[in-house]
């Protein structure tokens, strides 16, 4: 019975994303970046991996940039990206 549970748990875990490290991704943040350079924005709320909100912008050149979620310009960028996504 225990073996069946272990096999079932292993199969379920195989499809789940793997968390490499339980720590914050953003060690330094920018106060803003020009909207025309941003392809997408990912907002990660605080959780067991990190005690702070993280805003990670993927730029059109493929690089990622961490943005300060408290900066007024970053708040505007997030709102524009959310509005852009809701109009499509």
N, C-alpha and C. Protein backbone atom coordinates (compact mmCIF):
# COMPACT_ATOMS: atom_id res chain seq x y z
N UNK A 1 0.83 -1.20 0.00
CA UNK A 1 0.00 0.00 0.00
C UNK A 1 0.87 1.26 0.00
N UNK A 2 1.88 1.27 0.85
CA UNK A 2 2.78 2.42 0.92
C UNK A 2 3.50 2.63 -0.41
N UNK A 3 3.88 1.54 -1.05
CA UNK A 3 4.55 1.63 -2.34
C UNK A 3 3.65 2.28 -3.38
N UNK A 4 2.36 1.93 -3.38
CA UNK A 4 1.42 2.54 -4.32
C UNK A 4 1.29 4.03 -4.08
N UNK A 5 1.26 4.44 -2.82
CA UNK A 5 1.17 5.87 -2.50
C UNK A 5 2.42 6.61 -2.97
N UNK A 6 3.58 6.00 -2.77
CA UNK A 6 4.82 6.64 -3.21
C UNK A 6 4.88 6.77 -4.73
N UNK A 7 4.44 5.73 -5.44
CA UNK A 7 4.44 5.78 -6.90
C UNK A 7 3.46 6.84 -7.39
N UNK A 8 2.27 6.89 -6.79
CA UNK A 8 1.27 7.89 -7.19
C UNK A 8 1.77 9.30 -6.91
N UNK A 9 2.41 9.50 -5.77
CA UNK A 9 2.93 10.82 -5.43
C UNK A 9 4.05 11.21 -6.39
N UNK A 10 4.88 10.26 -6.77
CA UNK A 10 5.97 10.53 -7.71
C UNK A 10 5.45 10.93 -9.08
N UNK A 11 4.39 10.29 -9.53
CA UNK A 11 3.81 10.63 -10.83
C UNK A 11 3.17 12.00 -10.79
N UNK A 12 2.50 12.31 -9.71
CA UNK A 12 1.87 13.62 -9.60
C UNK A 12 2.92 14.72 -9.57
N UNK A 13 4.00 14.48 -8.85
CA UNK A 13 5.05 15.49 -8.73
C UNK A 13 5.80 15.67 -10.05
N UNK A 14 5.80 14.66 -10.90
CA UNK A 14 6.54 14.76 -12.16
C UNK A 14 5.97 15.84 -13.07
N UNK A 15 4.67 16.11 -13.00
CA UNK A 15 4.07 17.13 -13.85
C UNK A 15 4.10 18.52 -13.26
N UNK A 16 4.47 18.63 -12.00
CA UNK A 16 4.49 19.92 -11.32
C UNK A 16 5.78 20.66 -11.64
N UNK A 17 5.72 21.99 -11.68
CA UNK A 17 6.95 22.75 -11.91
C UNK A 17 7.93 22.54 -10.76
N UNK A 18 9.19 22.51 -11.10
CA UNK A 18 10.22 22.31 -10.10
C UNK A 18 10.71 23.66 -9.61
N UNK A 19 10.71 23.83 -8.31
CA UNK A 19 11.22 25.07 -7.72
C UNK A 19 12.69 24.82 -7.41
N UNK A 20 13.56 25.55 -8.10
CA UNK A 20 14.99 25.34 -7.91
C UNK A 20 15.48 25.84 -6.57
N UNK A 21 15.06 27.04 -6.19
CA UNK A 21 15.52 27.63 -4.96
C UNK A 21 14.38 28.35 -4.28
N UNK A 22 14.30 28.19 -2.97
CA UNK A 22 13.28 28.89 -2.22
C UNK A 22 13.86 30.20 -1.68
N UNK A 23 14.01 31.15 -2.57
CA UNK A 23 14.51 32.47 -2.18
C UNK A 23 13.99 33.50 -3.17
N UNK A 24 14.18 34.75 -2.83
CA UNK A 24 13.75 35.83 -3.72
C UNK A 24 14.58 35.80 -5.00
N UNK A 25 13.94 36.10 -6.12
CA UNK A 25 14.65 36.18 -7.40
C UNK A 25 15.29 37.55 -7.57
N UNK A 26 14.66 38.57 -7.03
CA UNK A 26 15.13 39.94 -7.23
C UNK A 26 15.97 40.41 -6.05
N UNK A 27 17.26 40.52 -6.28
CA UNK A 27 18.14 41.04 -5.24
C UNK A 27 18.25 42.56 -5.33
N UNK A 28 18.15 43.08 -6.54
CA UNK A 28 18.16 44.52 -6.79
C UNK A 28 17.00 44.84 -7.72
N UNK A 29 16.44 46.04 -7.57
CA UNK A 29 15.31 46.42 -8.42
C UNK A 29 15.56 47.77 -9.07
N UNK A 30 14.90 47.96 -10.21
CA UNK A 30 14.92 49.24 -10.91
C UNK A 30 13.68 50.02 -10.52
N UNK A 31 13.77 51.34 -10.57
CA UNK A 31 12.63 52.19 -10.24
C UNK A 31 11.66 52.29 -11.41
N UNK A 32 12.11 51.90 -12.59
CA UNK A 32 11.24 51.94 -13.77
C UNK A 32 12.03 51.59 -15.01
N UNK A 33 11.30 51.38 -16.07
CA UNK A 33 11.89 51.07 -17.37
C UNK A 33 10.88 51.51 -18.42
N UNK A 34 11.35 51.88 -19.59
CA UNK A 34 10.43 52.40 -20.61
C UNK A 34 9.50 51.29 -21.08
N UNK A 35 8.22 51.60 -21.14
CA UNK A 35 7.18 50.63 -21.49
C UNK A 35 7.42 49.99 -22.85
N UNK A 36 7.99 50.73 -23.80
CA UNK A 36 8.19 50.17 -25.15
C UNK A 36 9.20 49.03 -25.16
N UNK A 37 10.03 48.92 -24.11
CA UNK A 37 11.02 47.85 -24.04
C UNK A 37 10.48 46.57 -23.41
N UNK A 38 9.27 46.62 -22.85
CA UNK A 38 8.72 45.50 -22.09
C UNK A 38 7.84 44.62 -22.96
N UNK A 39 8.11 43.33 -22.91
CA UNK A 39 7.27 42.35 -23.61
C UNK A 39 6.16 41.85 -22.68
N UNK A 40 6.53 41.52 -21.43
CA UNK A 40 5.54 41.05 -20.47
C UNK A 40 6.01 41.35 -19.05
N UNK A 41 5.07 41.28 -18.11
CA UNK A 41 5.37 41.54 -16.71
C UNK A 41 4.77 40.42 -15.88
N UNK A 42 5.56 39.90 -14.94
CA UNK A 42 5.07 38.87 -14.02
C UNK A 42 5.15 39.43 -12.60
N UNK A 43 4.03 39.41 -11.89
CA UNK A 43 3.99 39.86 -10.51
C UNK A 43 3.83 38.63 -9.63
N UNK A 44 4.78 38.43 -8.72
CA UNK A 44 4.74 37.30 -7.80
C UNK A 44 4.49 37.83 -6.40
N UNK A 45 3.36 37.45 -5.79
CA UNK A 45 3.06 37.93 -4.44
C UNK A 45 3.99 37.29 -3.41
N UNK A 46 4.06 37.87 -2.21
CA UNK A 46 4.88 37.26 -1.16
C UNK A 46 4.41 35.83 -0.87
N UNK A 47 5.35 34.99 -0.51
CA UNK A 47 5.02 33.60 -0.21
C UNK A 47 6.16 32.96 0.56
N UNK A 48 6.16 31.64 0.65
CA UNK A 48 7.21 30.95 1.42
C UNK A 48 8.59 31.11 0.80
N UNK A 49 8.65 31.39 -0.51
CA UNK A 49 9.93 31.54 -1.19
C UNK A 49 10.54 32.92 -0.97
N UNK A 50 9.68 33.91 -0.74
CA UNK A 50 10.15 35.30 -0.63
C UNK A 50 9.09 36.12 0.10
N UNK A 51 9.52 36.94 1.03
CA UNK A 51 8.59 37.72 1.84
C UNK A 51 8.12 39.01 1.20
N UNK A 52 8.55 39.29 -0.02
CA UNK A 52 8.15 40.54 -0.66
C UNK A 52 7.56 40.29 -2.04
N UNK A 53 6.76 41.23 -2.50
CA UNK A 53 6.22 41.16 -3.86
C UNK A 53 7.35 41.38 -4.85
N UNK A 54 7.40 40.55 -5.89
CA UNK A 54 8.42 40.71 -6.92
C UNK A 54 7.75 41.00 -8.26
N UNK A 55 8.29 41.99 -8.96
CA UNK A 55 7.80 42.35 -10.29
C UNK A 55 8.96 42.11 -11.25
N UNK A 56 8.77 41.16 -12.16
CA UNK A 56 9.82 40.81 -13.11
C UNK A 56 9.32 41.10 -14.52
N UNK A 57 10.00 42.02 -15.19
CA UNK A 57 9.64 42.39 -16.56
C UNK A 57 10.53 41.61 -17.52
N UNK A 58 9.90 40.98 -18.51
CA UNK A 58 10.65 40.35 -19.59
C UNK A 58 10.72 41.38 -20.71
N UNK A 59 11.94 41.72 -21.10
CA UNK A 59 12.14 42.74 -22.12
C UNK A 59 12.07 42.12 -23.51
N UNK A 60 11.89 42.95 -24.50
CA UNK A 60 11.77 42.48 -25.88
C UNK A 60 13.05 41.82 -26.37
N UNK A 61 14.19 42.12 -25.74
CA UNK A 61 15.45 41.49 -26.14
C UNK A 61 15.68 40.17 -25.39
N UNK A 62 14.69 39.75 -24.58
CA UNK A 62 14.78 38.47 -23.88
C UNK A 62 15.31 38.55 -22.47
N UNK A 63 15.89 39.67 -22.09
CA UNK A 63 16.41 39.81 -20.74
C UNK A 63 15.28 40.04 -19.76
N UNK A 64 15.55 39.75 -18.48
CA UNK A 64 14.59 40.02 -17.43
C UNK A 64 15.12 41.11 -16.53
N UNK A 65 14.21 41.95 -16.04
CA UNK A 65 14.58 43.04 -15.14
C UNK A 65 13.62 43.05 -13.96
N UNK A 66 14.18 43.14 -12.77
CA UNK A 66 13.36 43.24 -11.57
C UNK A 66 13.02 44.70 -11.32
N UNK A 67 11.74 44.95 -11.06
CA UNK A 67 11.27 46.31 -10.85
C UNK A 67 10.77 46.47 -9.42
N UNK A 68 10.93 47.65 -8.88
CA UNK A 68 10.47 47.97 -7.53
C UNK A 68 8.95 48.10 -7.54
N UNK A 69 8.22 47.20 -6.88
CA UNK A 69 6.75 47.25 -6.93
C UNK A 69 6.15 48.48 -6.26
N UNK A 70 6.93 49.18 -5.44
CA UNK A 70 6.43 50.38 -4.76
C UNK A 70 6.68 51.66 -5.54
N UNK A 71 7.50 51.61 -6.58
CA UNK A 71 7.82 52.80 -7.37
C UNK A 71 6.60 53.23 -8.19
N UNK A 72 6.29 54.53 -8.19
CA UNK A 72 5.11 55.01 -8.93
C UNK A 72 5.14 54.63 -10.41
N UNK A 73 6.30 54.69 -11.05
CA UNK A 73 6.40 54.36 -12.47
C UNK A 73 6.09 52.87 -12.70
N UNK A 74 6.54 52.02 -11.79
CA UNK A 74 6.30 50.58 -11.91
C UNK A 74 4.81 50.29 -11.74
N UNK A 75 4.16 50.98 -10.82
CA UNK A 75 2.71 50.80 -10.63
C UNK A 75 1.96 51.18 -11.91
N UNK A 76 2.41 52.24 -12.58
CA UNK A 76 1.78 52.64 -13.85
C UNK A 76 2.01 51.58 -14.93
N UNK A 77 3.22 51.03 -14.97
CA UNK A 77 3.54 49.98 -15.95
C UNK A 77 2.65 48.77 -15.73
N UNK A 78 2.49 48.36 -14.48
CA UNK A 78 1.64 47.20 -14.18
C UNK A 78 0.21 47.46 -14.62
N UNK A 79 -0.31 48.65 -14.31
CA UNK A 79 -1.68 48.99 -14.71
C UNK A 79 -1.84 48.98 -16.23
N UNK A 80 -0.86 49.54 -16.95
CA UNK A 80 -0.94 49.56 -18.41
C UNK A 80 -0.89 48.15 -18.98
N UNK A 81 -0.03 47.30 -18.42
CA UNK A 81 0.08 45.93 -18.91
C UNK A 81 -1.21 45.15 -18.61
N UNK A 82 -1.81 45.38 -17.45
CA UNK A 82 -3.07 44.71 -17.12
C UNK A 82 -4.19 45.17 -18.05
N UNK A 83 -4.25 46.47 -18.32
CA UNK A 83 -5.27 47.00 -19.22
C UNK A 83 -5.05 46.50 -20.64
N UNK A 84 -3.79 46.40 -21.05
CA UNK A 84 -3.47 45.89 -22.38
C UNK A 84 -3.93 44.45 -22.51
N UNK A 85 -3.72 43.66 -21.46
CA UNK A 85 -4.12 42.25 -21.48
C UNK A 85 -5.62 42.07 -21.47
N UNK A 86 -6.35 42.98 -20.83
CA UNK A 86 -7.81 42.82 -20.74
C UNK A 86 -8.52 43.28 -22.00
N UNK A 87 -7.84 44.06 -22.85
CA UNK A 87 -8.47 44.53 -24.08
C UNK A 87 -8.31 43.54 -25.22
N UNK A 88 -7.40 42.57 -25.07
CA UNK A 88 -7.17 41.57 -26.12
C UNK A 88 -8.13 40.44 -26.03
